[in-house]
Amino acid sequence: MTTITYIEASGQRTDVDVADGWSLMQAAITSGVDGIIGECGGSCACATCHCYVDEARLGELPPPSPGELDMLANVAAERRANSRLACQIKASPLLEGLILTLPETQE
């Protein structure tokens, strides 16, 4: 298990223990984190799991795929240099303590 911290737009912080291999979108939805919708179920086809990854740790993630970059072009909230789709980030021990901040809107 890997602990990931989600910070909702309201400022609410939620620590979630995520099974290795699970997407951070799956973990957020299962744990009732407000601000992740995941309309496409994690198939990288909707951008409703947009999040901002802690900039200090962004380099620890695999780079976004071309498909993820295409979806990030359609996010509802401001796209930033640290924008990612939570469905494309898989939990692993290397991500222990990672912080994701959620935008004010997904749609």
PDB file of N, CA and C in Angstrom:
ATOM      1  N   MET A   1       0.834  -1.181   0.000  1.00  0.00           N
ATOM      2  CA  MET A   1       0.000   0.000   0.000  1.00  0.00           C
ATOM      3  C   MET A   1       0.881   1.247   0.000  1.00  0.00           C
ATOM      4  N   THR A   2       0.379   2.240  -0.701  1.00  0.00           N
ATOM      5  CA  THR A   2       1.071   3.523  -0.811  1.00  0.00           C
ATOM      6  C   THR A   2       0.114   4.622  -0.364  1.00  0.00           C
ATOM      7  N   THR A   3       0.552   5.494   0.513  1.00  0.00           N
ATOM      8  CA  THR A   3      -0.301   6.577   0.975  1.00  0.00           C
ATOM      9  C   THR A   3      -0.172   7.768   0.036  1.00  0.00           C
ATOM     10  N   ILE A   4      -1.313   8.200  -0.498  1.00  0.00           N
ATOM     11  CA  ILE A   4      -1.405   9.361  -1.378  1.00  0.00           C
ATOM     12  C   ILE A   4      -2.299  10.380  -0.681  1.00  0.00           C
ATOM     13  N   THR A   5      -1.930  11.643  -0.723  1.00  0.00           N
ATOM     14  CA  THR A   5      -2.738  12.708  -0.149  1.00  0.00           C
ATOM     15  C   THR A   5      -3.421  13.471  -1.269  1.00  0.00           C
ATOM     16  N   TYR A   6      -4.745  13.578  -1.164  1.00  0.00           N
ATOM     17  CA  TYR A   6      -5.549  14.346  -2.109  1.00  0.00           C
ATOM     18  C   TYR A   6      -5.986  15.621  -1.398  1.00  0.00           C
ATOM     19  N   ILE A   7      -5.801  16.753  -2.042  1.00  0.00           N
ATOM     20  CA  ILE A   7      -6.279  18.020  -1.501  1.00  0.00           C
ATOM     21  C   ILE A   7      -7.388  18.512  -2.423  1.00  0.00           C
ATOM     22  N   GLU A   8      -8.594  18.502  -1.891  1.00  0.00           N
ATOM     23  CA  GLU A   8      -9.754  18.922  -2.670  1.00  0.00           C
ATOM     24  C   GLU A   8      -9.739  20.439  -2.848  1.00  0.00           C
ATOM     25  N   ALA A   9     -10.513  20.947  -3.794  1.00  0.00           N
ATOM     26  CA  ALA A   9     -10.576  22.388  -4.051  1.00  0.00           C
ATOM     27  C   ALA A   9     -10.990  23.160  -2.803  1.00  0.00           C
ATOM     28  N   SER A  10     -11.750  22.531  -1.926  1.00  0.00           N
ATOM     29  CA  SER A  10     -12.186  23.161  -0.672  1.00  0.00           C
ATOM     30  C   SER A  10     -11.060  23.268   0.353  1.00  0.00           C
ATOM     31  N   GLY A  11      -9.962  22.575   0.107  1.00  0.00           N
ATOM     32  CA  GLY A  11      -8.853  22.532   1.057  1.00  0.00           C
ATOM     33  C   GLY A  11      -8.838  21.272   1.909  1.00  0.00           C
ATOM     34  N   GLN A  12      -9.916  20.492   1.836  1.00  0.00           N
ATOM     35  CA  GLN A  12      -9.998  19.224   2.574  1.00  0.00           C
ATOM     36  C   GLN A  12      -8.877  18.290   2.122  1.00  0.00           C
ATOM     37  N   ARG A  13      -8.113  17.787   3.077  1.00  0.00           N
ATOM     38  CA  ARG A  13      -7.033  16.828   2.791  1.00  0.00           C
ATOM     39  C   ARG A  13      -7.516  15.433   3.155  1.00  0.00           C
ATOM     40  N   THR A  14      -7.266  14.499   2.270  1.00  0.00           N
ATOM     41  CA  THR A  14      -7.631  13.108   2.521  1.00  0.00           C
ATOM     42  C   THR A  14      -6.447  12.226   2.188  1.00  0.00           C
ATOM     43  N   ASP A  15      -5.987  11.456   3.169  1.00  0.00           N
ATOM     44  CA  ASP A  15      -4.922  10.483   2.943  1.00  0.00           C
ATOM     45  C   ASP A  15      -5.573   9.149   2.599  1.00  0.00           C
ATOM     46  N   VAL A  16      -5.130   8.555   1.509  1.00  0.00           N
ATOM     47  CA  VAL A  16      -5.699   7.290   1.051  1.00  0.00           C
ATOM     48  C   VAL A  16      -4.579   6.273   0.892  1.00  0.00           C
ATOM     49  N   ASP A  17      -4.775   5.084   1.464  1.00  0.00           N
ATOM     50  CA  ASP A  17      -3.848   3.980   1.245  1.00  0.00           C
ATOM     51  C   ASP A  17      -4.274   3.289  -0.034  1.00  0.00           C
ATOM     52  N   VAL A  18      -3.394   3.302  -1.030  1.00  0.00           N
ATOM     53  CA  VAL A  18      -3.713   2.815  -2.362  1.00  0.00           C
ATOM     54  C   VAL A  18      -2.938   1.526  -2.627  1.00  0.00           C
ATOM     55  N   ALA A  19      -3.646   0.505  -3.080  1.00  0.00           N
ATOM     56  CA  ALA A  19      -2.992  -0.760  -3.429  1.00  0.00           C
ATOM     57  C   ALA A  19      -2.065  -0.537  -4.620  1.00  0.00           C
ATOM     58  N   ASP A  20      -0.891  -1.127  -4.551  1.00  0.00           N
ATOM     59  CA  ASP A  20       0.052  -1.009  -5.654  1.00  0.00           C
ATOM     60  C   ASP A  20      -0.597  -1.493  -6.945  1.00  0.00           C
ATOM     61  N   GLY A  21      -0.410  -0.701  -8.001  1.00  0.00           N
ATOM     62  CA  GLY A  21      -0.977  -1.035  -9.305  1.00  0.00           C
ATOM     63  C   GLY A  21      -2.310  -0.367  -9.577  1.00  0.00           C
ATOM     64  N   TRP A  22      -2.983   0.099  -8.529  1.00  0.00           N
ATOM     65  CA  TRP A  22      -4.251   0.817  -8.721  1.00  0.00           C
ATOM     66  C   TRP A  22      -3.956   2.203  -9.245  1.00  0.00           C
ATOM     67  N   SER A  23      -4.866   2.737 -10.056  1.00  0.00           N
ATOM     68  CA  SER A  23      -4.692   4.116 -10.490  1.00  0.00           C
ATOM     69  C   SER A  23      -5.108   5.041  -9.348  1.00  0.00           C
ATOM     70  N   LEU A  24      -4.546   6.226  -9.351  1.00  0.00           N
ATOM     71  CA  LEU A  24      -4.888   7.185  -8.314  1.00  0.00           C
ATOM     72  C   LEU A  24      -6.319   7.688  -8.494  1.00  0.00           C
ATOM     73  N   MET A  25      -6.869   7.569  -9.697  1.00  0.00           N
ATOM     74  CA  MET A  25      -8.284   7.883  -9.938  1.00  0.00           C
ATOM     75  C   MET A  25      -9.167   6.842  -9.265  1.00  0.00           C
ATOM     76  N   GLN A  26      -8.858   5.560  -9.438  1.00  0.00           N
ATOM     77  CA  GLN A  26      -9.643   4.491  -8.804  1.00  0.00           C
ATOM     78  C   GLN A  26      -9.667   4.668  -7.294  1.00  0.00           C
ATOM     79  N   ALA A  27      -8.515   4.952  -6.733  1.00  0.00           N
ATOM     80  CA  ALA A  27      -8.409   5.104  -5.282  1.00  0.00           C
ATOM     81  C   ALA A  27      -9.233   6.281  -4.790  1.00  0.00           C
ATOM     82  N   ALA A  28      -9.211   7.388  -5.515  1.00  0.00           N
ATOM     83  CA  ALA A  28      -9.973   8.571  -5.115  1.00  0.00           C
ATOM     84  C   ALA A  28     -11.467   8.287  -5.143  1.00  0.00           C
ATOM     85  N   ILE A  29     -11.931   7.662  -6.206  1.00  0.00           N
ATOM     86  CA  ILE A  29     -13.363   7.375  -6.330  1.00  0.00           C
ATOM     87  C   ILE A  29     -13.804   6.394  -5.244  1.00  0.00           C
ATOM     88  N   THR A  30     -13.046   5.329  -5.048  1.00  0.00           N
ATOM     89  CA  THR A  30     -13.378   4.331  -4.042  1.00  0.00           C
ATOM     90  C   THR A  30     -13.407   4.926  -2.639  1.00  0.00           C
ATOM     91  N   SER A  31     -12.563   5.926  -2.408  1.00  0.00           N
ATOM     92  CA  SER A  31     -12.456   6.540  -1.085  1.00  0.00           C
ATOM     93  C   SER A  31     -13.352   7.759  -0.913  1.00  0.00           C
ATOM     94  N   GLY A  32     -14.132   8.102  -1.937  1.00  0.00           N
ATOM     95  CA  GLY A  32     -15.065   9.214  -1.827  1.00  0.00           C
ATOM     96  C   GLY A  32     -14.430  10.587  -1.847  1.00  0.00           C
ATOM     97  N   VAL A  33     -13.269  10.707  -2.480  1.00  0.00           N
ATOM     98  CA  VAL A  33     -12.616  12.011  -2.588  1.00  0.00           C
ATOM     99  C   VAL A  33     -13.428  12.878  -3.550  1.00  0.00           C
ATOM    100  N   ASP A  34     -13.793  14.073  -3.088  1.00  0.00           N
ATOM    101  CA  ASP A  34     -14.581  14.990  -3.906  1.00  0.00           C
ATOM    102  C   ASP A  34     -13.661  15.704  -4.888  1.00  0.00           C
ATOM    103  N   GLY A  35     -14.037  15.685  -6.171  1.00  0.00           N
ATOM    104  CA  GLY A  35     -13.258  16.408  -7.166  1.00  0.00           C
ATOM    105  C   GLY A  35     -12.678  15.522  -8.244  1.00  0.00           C
ATOM    106  N   ILE A  36     -12.809  14.230  -8.110  1.00  0.00           N
ATOM    107  CA  ILE A  36     -12.411  13.285  -9.156  1.00  0.00           C
ATOM    108  C   ILE A  36     -13.690  12.603  -9.626  1.00  0.00           C
ATOM    109  N   ILE A  37     -13.966  12.703 -10.922  1.00  0.00           N
ATOM    110  CA  ILE A  37     -15.186  12.096 -11.457  1.00  0.00           C
ATOM    111  C   ILE A  37     -14.884  10.771 -12.157  1.00  0.00           C
ATOM    112  N   GLY A  38     -13.939  10.782 -13.069  1.00  0.00           N
ATOM    113  CA  GLY A  38     -13.559   9.550 -13.773  1.00  0.00           C
ATOM    114  C   GLY A  38     -14.671   8.992 -14.644  1.00  0.00           C
ATOM    115  N   GLU A  39     -15.317   9.842 -15.430  1.00  0.00           N
ATOM    116  CA  GLU A  39     -16.449   9.421 -16.274  1.00  0.00           C
ATOM    117  C   GLU A  39     -16.128   8.239 -17.183  1.00  0.00           C
ATOM    118  N   CYS A  40     -14.909   8.176 -17.694  1.00  0.00           N
ATOM    119  CA  CYS A  40     -14.566   7.118 -18.656  1.00  0.00           C
ATOM    120  C   CYS A  40     -14.090   5.843 -17.972  1.00  0.00           C
ATOM    121  N   GLY A  41     -14.050   5.847 -16.642  1.00  0.00           N
ATOM    122  CA  GLY A  41     -13.637   4.656 -15.915  1.00  0.00           C
ATOM    123  C   GLY A  41     -12.146   4.395 -15.940  1.00  0.00           C
ATOM    124  N   GLY A  42     -11.386   5.362 -16.388  1.00  0.00           N
ATOM    125  CA  GLY A  42      -9.933   5.204 -16.373  1.00  0.00           C
ATOM    126  C   GLY A  42      -9.320   4.858 -17.709  1.00  0.00           C
ATOM    127  N   SER A  43     -10.052   5.040 -18.793  1.00  0.00           N
ATOM    128  CA  SER A  43      -9.529   4.678 -20.116  1.00  0.00           C
ATOM    129  C   SER A  43      -8.872   5.850 -20.836  1.00  0.00           C
ATOM    130  N   CYS A  44      -8.607   6.924 -20.120  1.00  0.00           N
ATOM    131  CA  CYS A  44      -7.929   8.101 -20.675  1.00  0.00           C
ATOM    132  C   CYS A  44      -8.721   8.691 -21.841  1.00  0.00           C
ATOM    133  N   ALA A  45     -10.036   8.848 -21.606  1.00  0.00           N
ATOM    134  CA  ALA A  45     -10.889   9.346 -22.678  1.00  0.00           C
ATOM    135  C   ALA A  45     -11.797  10.495 -22.255  1.00  0.00           C
ATOM    136  N   CYS A  46     -11.584  11.086 -21.048  1.00  0.00           N
ATOM    137  CA  CYS A  46     -12.529  12.131 -20.648  1.00  0.00           C
ATOM    138  C   CYS A  46     -11.895  13.316 -19.915  1.00  0.00           C
ATOM    139  N   ALA A  47     -10.782  13.176 -19.298  1.00  0.00           N
ATOM    140  CA  ALA A  47     -10.086  14.243 -18.555  1.00  0.00           C
ATOM    141  C   ALA A  47     -10.828  14.712 -17.299  1.00  0.00           C
ATOM    142  N   THR A  48     -11.743  13.894 -16.756  1.00  0.00           N
ATOM    143  CA  THR A  48     -12.449  14.292 -15.536  1.00  0.00           C
ATOM    144  C   THR A  48     -11.768  13.771 -14.272  1.00  0.00           C
ATOM    145  N   CYS A  49     -10.503  13.415 -14.401  1.00  0.00           N
ATOM    146  CA  CYS A  49      -9.692  13.066 -13.232  1.00  0.00           C
ATOM    147  C   CYS A  49      -8.420  13.910 -13.219  1.00  0.00           C
ATOM    148  N   HIS A  50      -8.538  15.086 -13.823  1.00  0.00           N
ATOM    149  CA  HIS A  50      -7.437  16.044 -13.877  1.00  0.00           C
ATOM    150  C   HIS A  50      -6.974  16.382 -12.455  1.00  0.00           C
ATOM    151  N   CYS A  51      -5.684  16.430 -12.269  1.00  0.00           N
ATOM    152  CA  CYS A  51      -5.119  16.783 -10.970  1.00  0.00           C
ATOM    153  C   CYS A  51      -3.801  17.509 -11.178  1.00  0.00           C
ATOM    154  N   TYR A  52      -3.346  18.135 -10.104  1.00  0.00           N
ATOM    155  CA  TYR A  52      -2.047  18.799 -10.106  1.00  0.00           C
ATOM    156  C   TYR A  52      -1.126  18.013  -9.178  1.00  0.00           C
ATOM    157  N   VAL A  53      -0.039  17.526  -9.733  1.00  0.00           N
ATOM    158  CA  VAL A  53       0.928  16.730  -8.976  1.00  0.00           C
ATOM    159  C   VAL A  53       1.915  17.675  -8.296  1.00  0.00           C
ATOM    160  N   ASP A  54       2.261  17.360  -7.065  1.00  0.00           N
ATOM    161  CA  ASP A  54       3.277  18.126  -6.340  1.00  0.00           C
ATOM    162  C   ASP A  54       4.483  18.321  -7.255  1.00  0.00           C
ATOM    163  N   GLU A  55       4.777  19.574  -7.570  1.00  0.00           N
ATOM    164  CA  GLU A  55       5.842  19.879  -8.535  1.00  0.00           C
ATOM    165  C   GLU A  55       7.192  19.309  -8.136  1.00  0.00           C
ATOM    166  N   ALA A  56       7.475  19.234  -6.851  1.00  0.00           N
ATOM    167  CA  ALA A  56       8.758  18.720  -6.383  1.00  0.00           C
ATOM    168  C   ALA A  56       8.924  17.238  -6.710  1.00  0.00           C
ATOM    169  N   ARG A  57       7.806  16.543  -6.980  1.00  0.00           N
ATOM    170  CA  ARG A  57       7.872  15.101  -7.220  1.00  0.00           C
ATOM    171  C   ARG A  57       7.445  14.716  -8.633  1.00  0.00           C
ATOM    172  N   LEU A  58       7.154  15.693  -9.456  1.00  0.00           N
ATOM    173  CA  LEU A  58       6.669  15.430 -10.802  1.00  0.00           C
ATOM    174  C   LEU A  58       7.627  14.545 -11.599  1.00  0.00           C
ATOM    175  N   GLY A  59       8.912  14.743 -11.413  1.00  0.00           N
ATOM    176  CA  GLY A  59       9.915  13.972 -12.138  1.00  0.00           C
ATOM    177  C   GLY A  59       9.964  12.502 -11.761  1.00  0.00           C
ATOM    178  N   GLU A  60       9.289  12.118 -10.678  1.00  0.00           N
ATOM    179  CA  GLU A  60       9.265  10.721 -10.252  1.00  0.00           C
ATOM    180  C   GLU A  60       8.230   9.898 -11.032  1.00  0.00           C
ATOM    181  N   LEU A  61       7.363  10.591 -11.763  1.00  0.00           N
ATOM    182  CA  LEU A  61       6.327   9.899 -12.532  1.00  0.00           C
ATOM    183  C   LEU A  61       6.806   9.621 -13.940  1.00  0.00           C
ATOM    184  N   PRO A  62       6.299   8.543 -14.536  1.00  0.00           N
ATOM    185  CA  PRO A  62       6.584   8.351 -15.959  1.00  0.00           C
ATOM    186  C   PRO A  62       5.982   9.522 -16.732  1.00  0.00           C
ATOM    187  N   PRO A  63       6.578   9.902 -17.840  1.00  0.00           N
ATOM    188  CA  PRO A  63       6.015  11.022 -18.603  1.00  0.00           C
ATOM    189  C   PRO A  63       4.624  10.667 -19.147  1.00  0.00           C
ATOM    190  N   PRO A  64       3.797  11.679 -19.374  1.00  0.00           N
ATOM    191  CA  PRO A  64       2.468  11.401 -19.920  1.00  0.00           C
ATOM    192  C   PRO A  64       2.570  10.831 -21.341  1.00  0.00           C
ATOM    193  N   SER A  65       1.663   9.937 -21.641  1.00  0.00           N
ATOM    194  CA  SER A  65       1.607   9.353 -22.983  1.00  0.00           C
ATOM    195  C   SER A  65       1.025  10.383 -23.947  1.00  0.00           C
ATOM    196  N   PRO A  66       1.168  10.168 -25.248  1.00  0.00           N
ATOM    197  CA  PRO A  66       0.538  11.078 -26.217  1.00  0.00           C
ATOM    198  C   PRO A  66      -0.980  11.177 -26.004  1.00  0.00           C
ATOM    199  N   GLY A  67      -1.623  10.072 -25.652  1.00  0.00           N
ATOM    200  CA  GLY A  67      -3.063  10.097 -25.404  1.00  0.00           C
ATOM    201  C   GLY A  67      -3.423  10.952 -24.198  1.00  0.00           C
ATOM    202  N   GLU A  68      -2.617  10.861 -23.141  1.00  0.00           N
ATOM    203  CA  GLU A  68      -2.866  11.690 -21.959  1.00  0.00           C
ATOM    204  C   GLU A  68      -2.661  13.162 -22.302  1.00  0.00           C
ATOM    205  N   LEU A  69      -1.641  13.468 -23.059  1.00  0.00           N
ATOM    206  CA  LEU A  69      -1.407  14.860 -23.459  1.00  0.00           C
ATOM    207  C   LEU A  69      -2.579  15.398 -24.272  1.00  0.00           C
ATOM    208  N   ASP A  70      -3.140  14.559 -25.145  1.00  0.00           N
ATOM    209  CA  ASP A  70      -4.327  14.967 -25.914  1.00  0.00           C
ATOM    210  C   ASP A  70      -5.488  15.291 -24.984  1.00  0.00           C
ATOM    211  N   MET A  71      -5.720  14.441 -23.979  1.00  0.00           N
ATOM    212  CA  MET A  71      -6.821  14.675 -23.047  1.00  0.00           C
ATOM    213  C   MET A  71      -6.568  15.904 -22.178  1.00  0.00           C
ATOM    214  N   LEU A  72      -5.320  16.130 -21.791  1.00  0.00           N
ATOM    215  CA  LEU A  72      -4.997  17.296 -20.975  1.00  0.00           C
ATOM    216  C   LEU A  72      -5.272  18.605 -21.716  1.00  0.00           C
ATOM    217  N   ALA A  73      -5.298  18.541 -23.033  1.00  0.00           N
ATOM    218  CA  ALA A  73      -5.626  19.733 -23.819  1.00  0.00           C
ATOM    219  C   ALA A  73      -7.098  20.114 -23.667  1.00  0.00           C
ATOM    220  N   ASN A  74      -7.901  19.215 -23.080  1.00  0.00           N
ATOM    221  CA  ASN A  74      -9.348  19.441 -22.963  1.00  0.00           C
ATOM    222  C   ASN A  74      -9.827  19.556 -21.524  1.00  0.00           C
ATOM    223  N   VAL A  75      -8.948  19.790 -20.583  1.00  0.00           N
ATOM    224  CA  VAL A  75      -9.387  19.872 -19.186  1.00  0.00           C
ATOM    225  C   VAL A  75     -10.226  21.126 -18.964  1.00  0.00           C
ATOM    226  N   ALA A  76     -11.161  21.040 -18.013  1.00  0.00           N
ATOM    227  CA  ALA A  76     -12.065  22.154 -17.729  1.00  0.00           C
ATOM    228  C   ALA A  76     -11.390  23.251 -16.906  1.00  0.00           C
ATOM    229  N   ALA A  77     -10.505  22.872 -16.016  1.00  0.00           N
ATOM    230  CA  ALA A  77      -9.792  23.841 -15.180  1.00  0.00           C
ATOM    231  C   ALA A  77      -8.471  24.208 -15.851  1.00  0.00           C
ATOM    232  N   GLU A  78      -7.796  25.166 -15.284  1.00  0.00           N
ATOM    233  CA  GLU A  78      -6.517  25.603 -15.839  1.00  0.00           C
ATOM    234  C   GLU A  78      -5.535  24.440 -15.972  1.00  0.00           C
ATOM    235  N   ARG A  79      -4.965  24.313 -17.150  1.00  0.00           N
ATOM    236  CA  ARG A  79      -3.902  23.322 -17.341  1.00  0.00           C
ATOM    237  C   ARG A  79      -2.588  23.980 -16.914  1.00  0.00           C
ATOM    238  N   ARG A  80      -1.833  23.231 -16.119  1.00  0.00           N
ATOM    239  CA  ARG A  80      -0.544  23.720 -15.625  1.00  0.00           C
ATOM    240  C   ARG A  80       0.552  22.744 -16.020  1.00  0.00           C
ATOM    241  N   ALA A  81       1.793  23.140 -15.777  1.00  0.00           N
ATOM    242  CA  ALA A  81       2.934  22.275 -16.100  1.00  0.00           C
ATOM    243  C   ALA A  81       2.884  20.969 -15.317  1.00  0.00           C
ATOM    244  N   ASN A  82       2.224  20.980 -14.151  1.00  0.00           N
ATOM    245  CA  ASN A  82       2.142  19.778 -13.319  1.00  0.00           C
ATOM    246  C   ASN A  82       0.784  19.081 -13.431  1.00  0.00           C
ATOM    247  N   SER A  83       0.012  19.404 -14.459  1.00  0.00           N
ATOM    248  CA  SER A  83      -1.273  18.740 -14.691  1.00  0.00           C
ATOM    249  C   SER A  83      -1.059  17.313 -15.178  1.00  0.00           C
ATOM    250  N   ARG A  84      -1.821  16.419 -14.601  1.00  0.00           N
ATOM    251  CA  ARG A  84      -1.836  15.016 -15.038  1.00  0.00           C
ATOM    252  C   ARG A  84      -3.247  14.482 -14.897  1.00  0.00           C
ATOM    253  N   LEU A  85      -3.478  13.309 -15.474  1.00  0.00           N
ATOM    254  CA  LEU A  85      -4.737  12.595 -15.277  1.00  0.00           C
ATOM    255  C   LEU A  85      -4.479  11.506 -14.256  1.00  0.00           C
ATOM    256  N   ALA A  86      -5.272  11.490 -13.190  1.00  0.00           N
ATOM    257  CA  ALA A  86      -5.064  10.526 -12.111  1.00  0.00           C
ATOM    258  C   ALA A  86      -5.256   9.090 -12.575  1.00  0.00           C
ATOM    259  N   CYS A  87      -6.015   8.884 -13.648  1.00  0.00           N
ATOM    260  CA  CYS A  87      -6.219   7.522 -14.154  1.00  0.00           C
ATOM    261  C   CYS A  87      -4.948   6.951 -14.778  1.00  0.00           C
ATOM    262  N   GLN A  88      -4.002   7.804 -15.094  1.00  0.00           N
ATOM    263  CA  GLN A  88      -2.782   7.362 -15.751  1.00  0.00           C
ATOM    264  C   GLN A  88      -1.601   7.230 -14.794  1.00  0.00           C
ATOM    265  N   ILE A  89      -1.843   7.451 -13.525  1.00  0.00           N
ATOM    266  CA  ILE A  89      -0.784   7.315 -12.516  1.00  0.00           C
ATOM    267  C   ILE A  89      -1.098   6.098 -11.661  1.00  0.00           C
ATOM    268  N   LYS A  90      -0.202   5.136 -11.668  1.00  0.00           N
ATOM    269  CA  LYS A  90      -0.387   3.901 -10.891  1.00  0.00           C
ATOM    270  C   LYS A  90       0.399   3.987  -9.588  1.00  0.00           C
ATOM    271  N   ALA A  91      -0.232   3.559  -8.528  1.00  0.00           N
ATOM    272  CA  ALA A  91       0.412   3.573  -7.219  1.00  0.00           C
ATOM    273  C   ALA A  91       1.574   2.585  -7.183  1.00  0.00           C
ATOM    274  N   SER A  92       2.628   3.008  -6.539  1.00  0.00           N
ATOM    275  CA  SER A  92       3.787   2.152  -6.286  1.00  0.00           C
ATOM    276  C   SER A  92       4.500   2.718  -5.066  1.00  0.00           C
ATOM    277  N   PRO A  93       5.327   1.917  -4.409  1.00  0.00           N
ATOM    278  CA  PRO A  93       6.039   2.419  -3.225  1.00  0.00           C
ATOM    279  C   PRO A  93       6.861   3.680  -3.500  1.00  0.00           C
ATOM    280  N   LEU A  94       7.283   3.875  -4.731  1.00  0.00           N
ATOM    281  CA  LEU A  94       8.054   5.074  -5.073  1.00  0.00           C
ATOM    282  C   LEU A  94       7.246   6.355  -4.902  1.00  0.00           C
ATOM    283  N   LEU A  95       5.917   6.239  -4.918  1.00  0.00           N
ATOM    284  CA  LEU A  95       5.051   7.421  -4.817  1.00  0.00           C
ATOM    285  C   LEU A  95       4.556   7.688  -3.395  1.00  0.00           C
ATOM    286  N   GLU A  96       5.074   6.959  -2.419  1.00  0.00           N
ATOM    287  CA  GLU A  96       4.659   7.144  -1.023  1.00  0.00           C
ATOM    288  C   GLU A  96       4.682   8.623  -0.641  1.00  0.00           C
ATOM    289  N   GLY A  97       3.550   9.108  -0.119  1.00  0.00           N
ATOM    290  CA  GLY A  97       3.458  10.487   0.340  1.00  0.00           C
ATOM    291  C   GLY A  97       3.187  11.513  -0.742  1.00  0.00           C
ATOM    292  N   LEU A  98       2.942  11.077  -1.975  1.00  0.00           N
ATOM    293  CA  LEU A  98       2.664  12.002  -3.069  1.00  0.00           C
ATOM    294  C   LEU A  98       1.411  12.819  -2.748  1.00  0.00           C
ATOM    295  N   ILE A  99       1.434  14.082  -3.114  1.00  0.00           N
ATOM    296  CA  ILE A  99       0.292  14.973  -2.902  1.00  0.00           C
ATOM    297  C   ILE A  99      -0.284  15.381  -4.245  1.00  0.00           C
ATOM    298  N   LEU A 100      -1.595  15.169  -4.400  1.00  0.00           N
ATOM    299  CA  LEU A 100      -2.332  15.615  -5.587  1.00  0.00           C
ATOM    300  C   LEU A 100      -3.306  16.697  -5.151  1.00  0.00           C
ATOM    301  N   THR A 101      -3.309  17.805  -5.847  1.00  0.00           N
ATOM    302  CA  THR A 101      -4.276  18.868  -5.591  1.00  0.00           C
ATOM    303  C   THR A 101      -5.291  18.826  -6.718  1.00  0.00           C
ATOM    304  N   LEU A 102      -6.558  18.917  -6.345  1.00  0.00           N
ATOM    305  CA  LEU A 102      -7.637  18.795  -7.321  1.00  0.00           C
ATOM    306  C   LEU A 102      -8.152  20.172  -7.727  1.00  0.00           C
ATOM    307  N   PRO A 103      -8.480  20.338  -9.003  1.00  0.00           N
ATOM    308  CA  PRO A 103      -8.972  21.627  -9.465  1.00  0.00           C
ATOM    309  C   PRO A 103     -10.401  21.893  -8.990  1.00  0.00           C
ATOM    310  N   GLU A 104     -10.846  23.129  -9.174  1.00  0.00           N
ATOM    311  CA  GLU A 104     -12.197  23.502  -8.743  1.00  0.00           C
ATOM    312  C   GLU A 104     -13.285  22.830  -9.553  1.00  0.00           C
ATOM    313  N   THR A 105     -12.988  22.470 -10.788  1.00  0.00           N
ATOM    314  CA  THR A 105     -14.008  21.833 -11.631  1.00  0.00           C
ATOM    315  C   THR A 105     -13.371  20.795 -12.533  1.00  0.00           C
ATOM    316  N   GLN A 106     -14.172  19.798 -12.883  1.00  0.00           N
ATOM    317  CA  GLN A 106     -13.747  18.773 -13.831  1.00  0.00           C
ATOM    318  C   GLN A 106     -14.596  18.847 -15.109  1.00  0.00           C
ATOM    319  N   GLU A 107     -15.675  19.592 -15.043  1.00  0.00           N
ATOM    320  CA  GLU A 107     -16.566  19.661 -16.207  1.00  0.00           C
ATOM    321  C   GLU A 107     -16.870  21.096 -16.551  1.00  0.00           C
TER     322      GLU A 107
END
